[in-house]
Amino acid sequence: MNRKYAFIIALLMATACAQAQHRDDGLVQFSGVIVTADSLRPVPFTHILVEKTNRGTTSDYFGFFSIVVHKKDIIHFSAVGFKKVEFRIPDTLSENRYSLIQVMTSDTIMLAETVIYPWPTKEQFRQAFIKLDVPDDDLEIMRKNLAYLELRDRRDKNYNPDLYGMDAAMNYRNYVDNYTNKMYYAGQAMPNSLLDPLAWLKFIKAWKRGDFKKKY
């Protein structure tokens, strides 16, 4: 009885092994490298998919790939910037290995125009456009500079520091002049205006004109 069961088990195992061996006969280790058609440079990260299945792989940086497929499988090669290529695994292979150098041709891809706006709605764009601060062009900048210079000259001619005192611009100019004179005469004695005959001449003329008289 034990021999009978042992024989049946051995027969079932042999049948399973034969079926498995028959199924494995259709498997092929498919490997190769993907290159460009013009310069034979490797095409990295190419998508390799087996048709009507969820199996696939991706080539490495050097364009090399390897995947297990069946005979008669259709393999799809696709990469950005290249035309898609199909290849059918031959069914007349005598070995379970197959190598391929797949050549891919460059393809130009026209992308649709994409416009990115910083405003999510048209109403917000309208408000931003109305409140937009347009920068001055070169002509407007020149006009503003000339207007400022004209205003400064007019102010310097009509401004009387004896009545109103020195303004900020005059104080700054006086400070810079004094600092410049100090640095110019550094290490030596500065000239004394009391011994300057021209300064005395100006003082005498001003005294004769009555510039030092009090005005009420």
N, C-alpha and C. Protein backbone atom coordinates (compact mmCIF):
# COMPACT_ATOMS: atom_id res chain seq x y z
N MET A 1 0.83 -1.20 0.00
CA MET A 1 0.00 0.00 0.00
C MET A 1 0.86 1.25 0.00
N ASN A 2 1.91 1.25 0.79
CA ASN A 2 2.82 2.37 0.87
C ASN A 2 3.55 2.56 -0.45
N ARG A 3 3.86 1.42 -1.10
CA ARG A 3 4.54 1.52 -2.39
C ARG A 3 3.62 2.15 -3.43
N LYS A 4 2.31 1.83 -3.34
CA LYS A 4 1.37 2.39 -4.29
C LYS A 4 1.29 3.91 -4.16
N TYR A 5 1.19 4.38 -2.90
CA TYR A 5 1.15 5.83 -2.67
C TYR A 5 2.46 6.50 -3.09
N ALA A 6 3.55 5.82 -2.83
CA ALA A 6 4.84 6.39 -3.20
C ALA A 6 4.96 6.51 -4.71
N PHE A 7 4.44 5.56 -5.43
CA PHE A 7 4.50 5.60 -6.89
C PHE A 7 3.64 6.75 -7.44
N ILE A 8 2.45 6.92 -6.83
CA ILE A 8 1.56 8.01 -7.29
C ILE A 8 2.20 9.37 -7.04
N ILE A 9 2.80 9.52 -5.86
CA ILE A 9 3.45 10.80 -5.52
C ILE A 9 4.61 11.08 -6.47
N ALA A 10 5.39 10.05 -6.76
CA ALA A 10 6.52 10.22 -7.67
C ALA A 10 6.04 10.58 -9.06
N LEU A 11 4.92 9.97 -9.51
CA LEU A 11 4.38 10.27 -10.83
C LEU A 11 3.88 11.71 -10.90
N LEU A 12 3.21 12.19 -9.81
CA LEU A 12 2.73 13.57 -9.80
C LEU A 12 3.88 14.57 -9.81
N MET A 13 4.93 14.27 -9.06
CA MET A 13 6.09 15.16 -9.02
C MET A 13 6.77 15.23 -10.38
N ALA A 14 6.87 14.09 -11.05
CA ALA A 14 7.51 14.08 -12.36
C ALA A 14 6.70 14.89 -13.37
N THR A 15 5.36 14.76 -13.25
CA THR A 15 4.49 15.52 -14.17
C THR A 15 4.62 17.02 -13.92
N ALA A 16 4.66 17.41 -12.64
CA ALA A 16 4.80 18.84 -12.30
C ALA A 16 6.12 19.38 -12.78
N CYS A 17 7.18 18.57 -12.61
CA CYS A 17 8.51 19.03 -13.06
C CYS A 17 8.54 19.18 -14.57
N ALA A 18 7.88 18.27 -15.26
CA ALA A 18 7.86 18.35 -16.72
C ALA A 18 7.11 19.58 -17.19
N GLN A 19 5.96 19.86 -16.51
CA GLN A 19 5.19 21.04 -16.88
C GLN A 19 5.97 22.32 -16.59
N ALA A 20 6.65 22.34 -15.43
CA ALA A 20 7.43 23.52 -15.08
C ALA A 20 8.58 23.72 -16.06
N GLN A 21 9.21 22.59 -16.43
CA GLN A 21 10.30 22.68 -17.38
C GLN A 21 9.79 23.15 -18.73
N HIS A 22 8.56 22.69 -19.09
CA HIS A 22 7.99 23.13 -20.36
C HIS A 22 7.66 24.63 -20.34
N ARG A 23 7.19 25.13 -19.17
CA ARG A 23 6.90 26.56 -19.07
C ARG A 23 8.19 27.37 -19.07
N ASP A 24 9.23 26.86 -18.39
CA ASP A 24 10.49 27.59 -18.33
C ASP A 24 11.19 27.64 -19.67
N ASP A 25 10.84 26.73 -20.56
CA ASP A 25 11.49 26.75 -21.87
C ASP A 25 11.16 28.02 -22.64
N GLY A 26 10.04 28.70 -22.31
CA GLY A 26 9.67 29.93 -23.01
C GLY A 26 10.26 31.18 -22.42
N LEU A 27 10.94 31.10 -21.29
CA LEU A 27 11.53 32.27 -20.65
C LEU A 27 12.87 32.60 -21.29
N VAL A 28 13.12 33.91 -21.44
CA VAL A 28 14.36 34.39 -22.06
C VAL A 28 14.90 35.54 -21.22
N GLN A 29 16.19 35.51 -20.93
CA GLN A 29 16.85 36.63 -20.26
C GLN A 29 17.24 37.64 -21.33
N PHE A 30 16.42 38.68 -21.44
CA PHE A 30 16.58 39.68 -22.50
C PHE A 30 17.39 40.86 -21.94
N SER A 31 18.52 41.15 -22.53
CA SER A 31 19.39 42.22 -22.07
C SER A 31 20.02 42.91 -23.27
N GLY A 32 20.56 44.08 -23.04
CA GLY A 32 21.20 44.82 -24.12
C GLY A 32 21.51 46.24 -23.72
N VAL A 33 21.78 47.06 -24.71
CA VAL A 33 22.12 48.46 -24.50
C VAL A 33 21.38 49.30 -25.53
N ILE A 34 20.97 50.50 -25.14
CA ILE A 34 20.21 51.40 -26.00
C ILE A 34 21.09 52.59 -26.35
N VAL A 35 21.23 52.88 -27.65
CA VAL A 35 22.11 53.95 -28.12
C VAL A 35 21.35 54.82 -29.11
N THR A 36 21.92 55.99 -29.37
CA THR A 36 21.33 56.91 -30.35
C THR A 36 21.76 56.51 -31.76
N ALA A 37 20.96 56.91 -32.74
CA ALA A 37 21.24 56.51 -34.11
C ALA A 37 22.34 57.36 -34.74
N ASP A 38 22.50 58.61 -34.32
CA ASP A 38 23.46 59.49 -34.97
C ASP A 38 24.86 59.38 -34.41
N SER A 39 24.98 59.25 -33.08
CA SER A 39 26.31 59.25 -32.47
C SER A 39 26.61 57.99 -31.65
N LEU A 40 25.66 57.06 -31.60
CA LEU A 40 25.83 55.80 -30.84
C LEU A 40 26.14 56.06 -29.37
N ARG A 41 25.60 57.14 -28.85
CA ARG A 41 25.74 57.42 -27.42
C ARG A 41 24.62 56.71 -26.65
N PRO A 42 24.90 56.29 -25.43
CA PRO A 42 23.85 55.58 -24.67
C PRO A 42 22.68 56.49 -24.35
N VAL A 43 21.49 55.91 -24.32
CA VAL A 43 20.27 56.63 -23.96
C VAL A 43 19.89 56.20 -22.54
N PRO A 44 20.15 57.02 -21.55
CA PRO A 44 19.88 56.61 -20.17
C PRO A 44 18.40 56.68 -19.83
N PHE A 45 18.00 55.87 -18.86
CA PHE A 45 16.65 55.91 -18.27
C PHE A 45 15.54 55.73 -19.32
N THR A 46 15.76 54.81 -20.23
CA THR A 46 14.74 54.47 -21.22
C THR A 46 13.73 53.51 -20.61
N HIS A 47 12.45 53.74 -20.86
CA HIS A 47 11.39 52.86 -20.36
C HIS A 47 11.25 51.65 -21.28
N ILE A 48 11.27 50.47 -20.68
CA ILE A 48 11.17 49.22 -21.41
C ILE A 48 9.98 48.46 -20.84
N LEU A 49 8.93 48.30 -21.64
CA LEU A 49 7.69 47.67 -21.18
C LEU A 49 7.34 46.49 -22.07
N VAL A 50 6.80 45.44 -21.42
CA VAL A 50 6.32 44.26 -22.13
C VAL A 50 4.85 44.47 -22.45
N GLU A 51 4.49 44.34 -23.71
CA GLU A 51 3.13 44.61 -24.15
C GLU A 51 2.13 43.68 -23.47
N LYS A 52 0.97 44.24 -23.09
CA LYS A 52 -0.14 43.52 -22.47
C LYS A 52 0.23 42.91 -21.11
N THR A 53 1.23 43.45 -20.47
CA THR A 53 1.61 43.01 -19.13
C THR A 53 1.94 44.24 -18.29
N ASN A 54 2.12 44.00 -17.01
CA ASN A 54 2.53 45.07 -16.10
C ASN A 54 4.02 45.00 -15.79
N ARG A 55 4.76 44.29 -16.60
CA ARG A 55 6.18 44.11 -16.35
C ARG A 55 6.99 45.06 -17.22
N GLY A 56 8.10 45.47 -16.68
CA GLY A 56 8.98 46.36 -17.41
C GLY A 56 10.20 46.71 -16.59
N THR A 57 11.06 47.55 -17.13
CA THR A 57 12.26 47.98 -16.44
C THR A 57 12.71 49.29 -17.05
N THR A 58 13.81 49.81 -16.57
CA THR A 58 14.38 51.07 -17.04
C THR A 58 15.87 50.88 -17.23
N SER A 59 16.39 51.41 -18.30
CA SER A 59 17.83 51.32 -18.53
C SER A 59 18.58 52.22 -17.56
N ASP A 60 19.84 51.87 -17.30
CA ASP A 60 20.62 52.67 -16.36
C ASP A 60 21.24 53.87 -17.08
N TYR A 61 22.17 54.53 -16.40
CA TYR A 61 22.78 55.73 -16.95
C TYR A 61 23.54 55.45 -18.24
N PHE A 62 24.05 54.24 -18.39
CA PHE A 62 24.83 53.88 -19.57
C PHE A 62 23.97 53.20 -20.64
N GLY A 63 22.64 53.19 -20.47
CA GLY A 63 21.75 52.62 -21.45
C GLY A 63 21.60 51.11 -21.37
N PHE A 64 22.14 50.48 -20.35
CA PHE A 64 22.07 49.02 -20.23
C PHE A 64 20.77 48.61 -19.53
N PHE A 65 20.21 47.46 -19.95
CA PHE A 65 19.00 46.95 -19.34
C PHE A 65 19.04 45.43 -19.35
N SER A 66 18.20 44.82 -18.53
CA SER A 66 18.07 43.36 -18.48
C SER A 66 16.73 43.03 -17.85
N ILE A 67 15.99 42.11 -18.51
CA ILE A 67 14.66 41.75 -18.04
C ILE A 67 14.34 40.34 -18.53
N VAL A 68 13.51 39.62 -17.76
CA VAL A 68 13.07 38.28 -18.15
C VAL A 68 11.76 38.40 -18.91
N VAL A 69 11.72 37.81 -20.12
CA VAL A 69 10.54 37.88 -20.97
C VAL A 69 10.24 36.49 -21.52
N HIS A 70 9.16 36.40 -22.27
CA HIS A 70 8.80 35.16 -22.95
C HIS A 70 9.05 35.32 -24.45
N LYS A 71 9.18 34.19 -25.09
CA LYS A 71 9.29 34.21 -26.53
C LYS A 71 8.01 34.79 -27.13
N LYS A 72 8.15 35.50 -28.23
CA LYS A 72 7.07 36.17 -28.95
C LYS A 72 6.53 37.41 -28.23
N ASP A 73 7.13 37.79 -27.07
CA ASP A 73 6.70 39.02 -26.40
C ASP A 73 7.11 40.24 -27.23
N ILE A 74 6.27 41.25 -27.19
CA ILE A 74 6.58 42.51 -27.87
C ILE A 74 7.06 43.51 -26.83
N ILE A 75 8.25 44.05 -27.05
CA ILE A 75 8.88 44.97 -26.10
C ILE A 75 8.81 46.38 -26.67
N HIS A 76 8.39 47.34 -25.83
CA HIS A 76 8.28 48.75 -26.22
C HIS A 76 9.40 49.54 -25.54
N PHE A 77 10.13 50.30 -26.36
CA PHE A 77 11.18 51.19 -25.87
C PHE A 77 10.72 52.63 -26.07
N SER A 78 10.79 53.42 -25.01
CA SER A 78 10.38 54.83 -25.10
C SER A 78 11.27 55.68 -24.21
N ALA A 79 11.63 56.85 -24.72
CA ALA A 79 12.44 57.82 -23.97
C ALA A 79 12.09 59.21 -24.46
N VAL A 80 12.23 60.18 -23.59
CA VAL A 80 11.89 61.56 -23.93
C VAL A 80 12.88 62.06 -24.97
N GLY A 81 12.36 62.58 -26.07
CA GLY A 81 13.20 63.10 -27.13
C GLY A 81 13.54 62.09 -28.20
N PHE A 82 12.96 60.87 -28.12
CA PHE A 82 13.24 59.82 -29.10
C PHE A 82 11.92 59.18 -29.53
N LYS A 83 11.93 58.65 -30.75
CA LYS A 83 10.76 57.94 -31.27
C LYS A 83 10.64 56.57 -30.60
N LYS A 84 9.41 56.15 -30.38
CA LYS A 84 9.17 54.86 -29.76
C LYS A 84 9.55 53.73 -30.71
N VAL A 85 10.03 52.63 -30.12
CA VAL A 85 10.49 51.48 -30.90
C VAL A 85 9.87 50.22 -30.32
N GLU A 86 9.51 49.29 -31.19
CA GLU A 86 8.98 48.00 -30.77
C GLU A 86 9.92 46.89 -31.24
N PHE A 87 10.00 45.84 -30.44
CA PHE A 87 10.82 44.68 -30.81
C PHE A 87 10.13 43.41 -30.33
N ARG A 88 10.06 42.42 -31.21
CA ARG A 88 9.44 41.14 -30.88
C ARG A 88 10.53 40.12 -30.58
N ILE A 89 10.38 39.42 -29.45
CA ILE A 89 11.33 38.38 -29.08
C ILE A 89 11.15 37.19 -30.04
N PRO A 90 12.19 36.72 -30.70
CA PRO A 90 12.03 35.59 -31.64
C PRO A 90 11.60 34.32 -30.90
N ASP A 91 10.83 33.49 -31.58
CA ASP A 91 10.40 32.21 -31.00
C ASP A 91 11.27 31.06 -31.46
N THR A 92 12.34 31.34 -32.19
CA THR A 92 13.23 30.30 -32.69
C THR A 92 14.55 30.26 -31.93
N LEU A 93 14.55 30.82 -30.73
CA LEU A 93 15.80 30.85 -29.96
C LEU A 93 16.13 29.47 -29.43
N SER A 94 17.39 29.10 -29.56
CA SER A 94 17.84 27.81 -29.04
C SER A 94 18.36 27.92 -27.62
N GLU A 95 18.57 29.14 -27.14
CA GLU A 95 19.05 29.38 -25.78
C GLU A 95 18.06 30.29 -25.07
N ASN A 96 18.23 30.37 -23.74
CA ASN A 96 17.33 31.20 -22.94
C ASN A 96 17.92 32.58 -22.67
N ARG A 97 18.83 33.01 -23.52
CA ARG A 97 19.42 34.35 -23.40
C ARG A 97 19.39 35.02 -24.77
N TYR A 98 19.17 36.33 -24.72
CA TYR A 98 19.15 37.08 -25.97
C TYR A 98 19.63 38.50 -25.68
N SER A 99 20.56 38.97 -26.52
CA SER A 99 21.14 40.30 -26.37
C SER A 99 20.79 41.15 -27.57
N LEU A 100 20.67 42.47 -27.33
CA LEU A 100 20.24 43.38 -28.38
C LEU A 100 20.90 44.74 -28.18
N ILE A 101 21.30 45.35 -29.30
CA ILE A 101 21.73 46.75 -29.32
C ILE A 101 20.62 47.54 -30.00
N GLN A 102 19.82 48.21 -29.21
CA GLN A 102 18.66 48.92 -29.72
C GLN A 102 19.03 50.36 -30.08
N VAL A 103 18.80 50.72 -31.33
CA VAL A 103 19.09 52.07 -31.82
C VAL A 103 17.81 52.89 -31.80
N MET A 104 17.89 54.11 -31.25
CA MET A 104 16.72 54.99 -31.17
C MET A 104 17.01 56.29 -31.91
N THR A 105 16.00 56.77 -32.63
CA THR A 105 16.13 57.98 -33.44
C THR A 105 15.56 59.18 -32.68
N SER A 106 16.25 60.30 -32.78
CA SER A 106 15.80 61.52 -32.09
C SER A 106 14.47 61.99 -32.64
N ASP A 107 13.66 62.58 -31.78
CA ASP A 107 12.35 63.07 -32.16
C ASP A 107 12.12 64.42 -31.49
N THR A 108 11.53 65.36 -32.23
CA THR A 108 11.24 66.69 -31.71
C THR A 108 9.84 66.70 -31.11
N ILE A 109 9.74 67.14 -29.89
CA ILE A 109 8.47 67.18 -29.18
C ILE A 109 8.04 68.63 -29.05
N MET A 110 6.87 68.95 -29.56
CA MET A 110 6.31 70.30 -29.47
C MET A 110 5.37 70.36 -28.27
N LEU A 111 5.75 71.13 -27.28
CA LEU A 111 4.94 71.28 -26.08
C LEU A 111 3.98 72.45 -26.24
N ALA A 112 2.81 72.30 -25.69
CA ALA A 112 1.82 73.38 -25.74
C ALA A 112 2.27 74.55 -24.87
N GLU A 113 1.89 75.75 -25.28
CA GLU A 113 2.28 76.95 -24.53
C GLU A 113 1.58 76.98 -23.18
N THR A 114 2.36 77.31 -22.17
CA THR A 114 1.83 77.42 -20.81
C THR A 114 2.13 78.82 -20.29
N VAL A 115 1.11 79.54 -19.92
CA VAL A 115 1.24 80.90 -19.41
C VAL A 115 0.95 80.88 -17.91
N ILE A 116 1.90 81.35 -17.13
CA ILE A 116 1.77 81.36 -15.67
C ILE A 116 1.54 82.81 -15.22
N TYR A 117 0.46 83.03 -14.51
CA TYR A 117 0.12 84.35 -14.01
C TYR A 117 0.27 84.38 -12.48
N PRO A 118 0.77 85.50 -11.95
CA PRO A 118 0.88 85.60 -10.49
C PRO A 118 -0.43 85.92 -9.80
N TRP A 119 -1.48 86.19 -10.58
CA TRP A 119 -2.77 86.53 -9.99
C TRP A 119 -3.76 85.41 -10.26
N PRO A 120 -4.45 84.90 -9.27
CA PRO A 120 -5.36 83.76 -9.48
C PRO A 120 -6.63 84.13 -10.22
N THR A 121 -7.07 85.38 -10.15
CA THR A 121 -8.32 85.77 -10.80
C THR A 121 -8.09 87.02 -11.65
N LYS A 122 -9.04 87.27 -12.59
CA LYS A 122 -8.95 88.45 -13.44
C LYS A 122 -9.17 89.72 -12.64
N GLU A 123 -10.01 89.66 -11.62
CA GLU A 123 -10.27 90.85 -10.81
C GLU A 123 -9.02 91.29 -10.06
N GLN A 124 -8.29 90.33 -9.53
CA GLN A 124 -7.04 90.67 -8.85
C GLN A 124 -6.01 91.22 -9.83
N PHE A 125 -5.99 90.69 -11.04
CA PHE A 125 -5.09 91.23 -12.07
C PHE A 125 -5.47 92.67 -12.41
N ARG A 126 -6.78 92.95 -12.49
CA ARG A 126 -7.24 94.30 -12.81
C ARG A 126 -6.81 95.28 -11.72
N GLN A 127 -6.98 94.90 -10.46
CA GLN A 127 -6.58 95.78 -9.37
C GLN A 127 -5.06 96.01 -9.37
N ALA A 128 -4.31 94.94 -9.62
CA ALA A 128 -2.85 95.08 -9.64
C ALA A 128 -2.40 95.95 -10.81
N PHE A 129 -3.10 95.84 -11.93
CA PHE A 129 -2.74 96.65 -13.11
C PHE A 129 -3.04 98.12 -12.86
N ILE A 130 -4.16 98.41 -12.20
CA ILE A 130 -4.52 99.80 -11.93
C ILE A 130 -3.53 100.43 -10.94
N LYS A 131 -3.12 99.69 -9.94
CA LYS A 131 -2.24 100.22 -8.91
C LYS A 131 -0.76 100.02 -9.25
N LEU A 132 -0.48 99.60 -10.47
CA LEU A 132 0.90 99.31 -10.85
C LEU A 132 1.72 100.60 -10.85
N ASP A 133 2.86 100.56 -10.21
CA ASP A 133 3.77 101.71 -10.17
C ASP A 133 4.79 101.55 -11.30
N VAL A 134 4.55 102.27 -12.40
CA VAL A 134 5.42 102.16 -13.56
C VAL A 134 6.72 102.91 -13.29
N PRO A 135 7.87 102.29 -13.44
CA PRO A 135 9.14 103.00 -13.18
C PRO A 135 9.39 104.08 -14.22
N ASP A 136 10.10 105.12 -13.81
CA ASP A 136 10.41 106.23 -14.72
C ASP A 136 11.41 105.79 -15.77
N ASP A 137 11.24 106.31 -16.98
CA ASP A 137 12.22 106.07 -18.02
C ASP A 137 13.36 107.08 -17.89
N ASP A 138 14.34 106.99 -18.78
CA ASP A 138 15.51 107.86 -18.69
C ASP A 138 15.14 109.33 -18.87
N LEU A 139 14.18 109.61 -19.75
CA LEU A 139 13.79 111.00 -19.98
C LEU A 139 13.13 111.60 -18.75
N GLU A 140 12.26 110.84 -18.08
CA GLU A 140 11.60 111.35 -16.89
C GLU A 140 12.59 111.55 -15.75
N ILE A 141 13.54 110.63 -15.62
CA ILE A 141 14.57 110.78 -14.59
C ILE A 141 15.40 112.04 -14.83
N MET A 142 15.72 112.32 -16.10
CA MET A 142 16.48 113.54 -16.43
C MET A 142 15.68 114.79 -16.07
N ARG A 143 14.37 114.77 -16.37
CA ARG A 143 13.54 115.93 -16.04
C ARG A 143 13.49 116.18 -14.54
N LYS A 144 13.35 115.13 -13.76
CA LYS A 144 13.31 115.29 -12.30
C LYS A 144 14.63 115.82 -11.77
N ASN A 145 15.74 115.35 -12.32
CA ASN A 145 17.05 115.84 -11.86
C ASN A 145 17.24 117.31 -12.20
N LEU A 146 16.84 117.70 -13.40
CA LEU A 146 16.96 119.11 -13.78
C LEU A 146 16.06 119.99 -12.93
N ALA A 147 14.86 119.51 -12.62
CA ALA A 147 13.95 120.28 -11.77
C ALA A 147 14.53 120.44 -10.37
N TYR A 148 15.17 119.40 -9.87
CA TYR A 148 15.77 119.50 -8.54
C TYR A 148 16.93 120.49 -8.53
N LEU A 149 17.76 120.45 -9.59
CA LEU A 149 18.89 121.38 -9.65
C LEU A 149 18.41 122.82 -9.77
N GLU A 150 17.36 123.03 -10.58
CA GLU A 150 16.81 124.38 -10.72
C GLU A 150 16.24 124.88 -9.40
N LEU A 151 15.54 124.03 -8.69
CA LEU A 151 14.98 124.42 -7.40
C LEU A 151 16.08 124.73 -6.39
N ARG A 152 17.15 123.95 -6.41
CA ARG A 152 18.25 124.19 -5.47
C ARG A 152 18.95 125.51 -5.77
N ASP A 153 19.18 125.81 -7.06
CA ASP A 153 19.83 127.08 -7.42
C ASP A 153 18.96 128.27 -7.05
N ARG A 154 17.65 128.12 -7.28
CA ARG A 154 16.74 129.20 -6.94
C ARG A 154 16.70 129.42 -5.43
N ARG A 155 16.75 128.35 -4.68
CA ARG A 155 16.72 128.46 -3.22
C ARG A 155 18.00 129.10 -2.70
N ASP A 156 19.15 128.70 -3.28
CA ASP A 156 20.42 129.26 -2.81
C ASP A 156 20.52 130.75 -3.09
N LYS A 157 19.89 131.20 -4.20
CA LYS A 157 19.97 132.63 -4.53
C LYS A 157 19.05 133.47 -3.64
N ASN A 158 17.89 132.95 -3.30
CA ASN A 158 16.90 133.73 -2.54
C ASN A 158 16.96 133.48 -1.03
N TYR A 159 17.69 132.47 -0.61
CA TYR A 159 17.70 132.13 0.80
C TYR A 159 18.70 133.02 1.53
N ASN A 160 18.27 133.60 2.63
CA ASN A 160 19.12 134.48 3.43
C ASN A 160 19.42 133.79 4.75
N PRO A 161 20.63 133.28 4.92
CA PRO A 161 20.94 132.56 6.17
C PRO A 161 20.97 133.48 7.38
N ASP A 162 21.18 134.82 7.14
CA ASP A 162 21.20 135.73 8.29
C ASP A 162 19.82 135.86 8.91
N LEU A 163 18.77 135.71 8.09
CA LEU A 163 17.41 135.83 8.61
C LEU A 163 16.85 134.50 9.07
N TYR A 164 17.11 133.44 8.30
CA TYR A 164 16.49 132.15 8.58
C TYR A 164 17.45 131.10 9.13
N GLY A 165 18.73 131.45 9.15
CA GLY A 165 19.70 130.46 9.60
C GLY A 165 20.07 129.50 8.47
N MET A 166 21.06 128.70 8.72
CA MET A 166 21.54 127.76 7.70
C MET A 166 20.64 126.52 7.67
N ASP A 167 20.32 126.12 6.46
CA ASP A 167 19.50 124.91 6.33
C ASP A 167 20.39 123.67 6.37
N ALA A 168 19.78 122.50 6.13
CA ALA A 168 20.53 121.24 6.24
C ALA A 168 21.63 121.14 5.19
N ALA A 169 21.34 121.57 3.95
CA ALA A 169 22.35 121.49 2.90
C ALA A 169 23.54 122.38 3.19
N MET A 170 23.28 123.59 3.71
CA MET A 170 24.38 124.50 4.05
C MET A 170 25.21 123.97 5.20
N ASN A 171 24.54 123.39 6.20
CA ASN A 171 25.28 122.81 7.33
C ASN A 171 26.17 121.66 6.86
N TYR A 172 25.65 120.84 5.99
CA TYR A 172 26.44 119.71 5.49
C TYR A 172 27.64 120.20 4.68
N ARG A 173 27.39 121.22 3.82
CA ARG A 173 28.49 121.75 3.01
C ARG A 173 29.55 122.41 3.90
N ASN A 174 29.12 123.12 4.93
CA ASN A 174 30.07 123.76 5.83
C ASN A 174 30.90 122.71 6.59
N TYR A 175 30.24 121.62 7.01
CA TYR A 175 30.95 120.55 7.72
C TYR A 175 31.99 119.89 6.81
N VAL A 176 31.59 119.61 5.57
CA VAL A 176 32.52 118.96 4.63
C VAL A 176 33.71 119.88 4.34
N ASP A 177 33.46 121.18 4.17
CA ASP A 177 34.55 122.12 3.89
C ASP A 177 35.52 122.19 5.05
N ASN A 178 35.00 122.27 6.27
CA ASN A 178 35.87 122.33 7.45
C ASN A 178 36.67 121.04 7.60
N TYR A 179 36.03 119.89 7.35
CA TYR A 179 36.74 118.62 7.48
C TYR A 179 37.82 118.48 6.41
N THR A 180 37.51 118.98 5.21
CA THR A 180 38.50 118.92 4.13
C THR A 180 39.70 119.80 4.43
N ASN A 181 39.47 121.00 4.94
CA ASN A 181 40.58 121.89 5.30
C ASN A 181 41.42 121.28 6.42
N LYS A 182 40.74 120.64 7.38
CA LYS A 182 41.48 120.02 8.49
C LYS A 182 42.38 118.90 7.99
N MET A 183 41.86 118.07 7.08
CA MET A 183 42.68 116.98 6.54
C MET A 183 43.78 117.50 5.64
N TYR A 184 43.55 118.62 4.94
CA TYR A 184 44.55 119.17 4.03
C TYR A 184 45.75 119.71 4.80
N TYR A 185 45.48 120.33 5.99
CA TYR A 185 46.56 120.91 6.78
C TYR A 185 46.97 119.99 7.93
N ALA A 186 46.71 118.69 7.81
CA ALA A 186 47.08 117.75 8.88
C ALA A 186 48.60 117.70 9.02
N GLY A 187 49.09 117.84 10.25
CA GLY A 187 50.53 117.80 10.51
C GLY A 187 51.22 119.14 10.37
N GLN A 188 50.47 120.18 10.09
CA GLN A 188 51.08 121.50 9.95
C GLN A 188 50.09 122.55 10.46
N ALA A 189 50.62 123.75 10.68
CA ALA A 189 49.79 124.83 11.22
C ALA A 189 48.89 125.39 10.14
N MET A 190 47.60 125.57 10.49
CA MET A 190 46.66 126.13 9.55
C MET A 190 46.87 127.64 9.45
N PRO A 191 46.66 128.24 8.32
CA PRO A 191 46.85 129.69 8.18
C PRO A 191 45.83 130.46 9.04
N ASN A 192 46.29 131.59 9.59
CA ASN A 192 45.47 132.43 10.44
C ASN A 192 44.90 133.57 9.60
N SER A 193 43.56 133.66 9.58
CA SER A 193 42.92 134.69 8.77
C SER A 193 43.16 136.10 9.31
N LEU A 194 43.59 136.21 10.58
CA LEU A 194 43.87 137.54 11.14
C LEU A 194 45.07 138.18 10.47
N LEU A 195 45.95 137.36 9.89
CA LEU A 195 47.13 137.90 9.22
C LEU A 195 46.96 137.96 7.71
N ASP A 196 45.71 137.71 7.23
CA ASP A 196 45.44 137.71 5.79
C ASP A 196 45.00 139.11 5.38
N PRO A 197 45.76 139.82 4.52
CA PRO A 197 45.36 141.18 4.12
C PRO A 197 44.08 141.21 3.31
N LEU A 198 43.82 140.16 2.52
CA LEU A 198 42.58 140.14 1.73
C LEU A 198 41.37 140.04 2.64
N ALA A 199 41.50 139.23 3.74
CA ALA A 199 40.40 139.12 4.67
C ALA A 199 40.13 140.46 5.36
N TRP A 200 41.20 141.19 5.70
CA TRP A 200 41.01 142.50 6.30
C TRP A 200 40.37 143.48 5.33
N LEU A 201 40.73 143.40 4.05
CA LEU A 201 40.14 144.29 3.06
C LEU A 201 38.64 144.05 2.91
N LYS A 202 38.24 142.78 2.91
CA LYS A 202 36.81 142.45 2.84
C LYS A 202 36.08 142.96 4.08
N PHE A 203 36.74 142.82 5.25
CA PHE A 203 36.11 143.26 6.50
C PHE A 203 35.90 144.78 6.50
N ILE A 204 36.88 145.54 6.01
CA ILE A 204 36.77 147.01 6.00
C ILE A 204 35.67 147.46 5.04
N LYS A 205 35.60 146.82 3.88
CA LYS A 205 34.55 147.18 2.91
C LYS A 205 33.17 146.88 3.48
N ALA A 206 33.02 145.74 4.15
CA ALA A 206 31.73 145.40 4.73
C ALA A 206 31.36 146.36 5.85
N TRP A 207 32.38 146.81 6.62
CA TRP A 207 32.12 147.75 7.72
C TRP A 207 31.68 149.10 7.19
N LYS A 208 32.30 149.53 6.04
CA LYS A 208 31.91 150.80 5.44
C LYS A 208 30.52 150.73 4.84
N ARG A 209 30.15 149.57 4.29
CA ARG A 209 28.81 149.45 3.73
C ARG A 209 27.73 149.40 4.80
N GLY A 210 28.13 149.16 6.01
CA GLY A 210 27.16 149.08 7.09
C GLY A 210 26.55 147.70 7.25
N ASP A 211 27.30 146.68 6.84
CA ASP A 211 26.75 145.32 6.95
C ASP A 211 26.62 144.88 8.40
N PHE A 212 27.35 145.48 9.29
CA PHE A 212 27.33 145.03 10.69
C PHE A 212 26.40 145.87 11.56
N LYS A 213 25.67 146.79 10.93
CA LYS A 213 24.69 147.58 11.70
C LYS A 213 23.46 146.74 11.98
N LYS A 214 22.89 146.92 13.12
CA LYS A 214 21.68 146.20 13.46
C LYS A 214 20.50 146.75 12.68
N LYS A 215 19.71 145.86 12.16
CA LYS A 215 18.54 146.26 11.41
C LYS A 215 17.28 145.90 12.19
N TYR A 216 16.47 146.89 12.43
CA TYR A 216 15.25 146.71 13.21
C TYR A 216 14.04 146.77 12.27
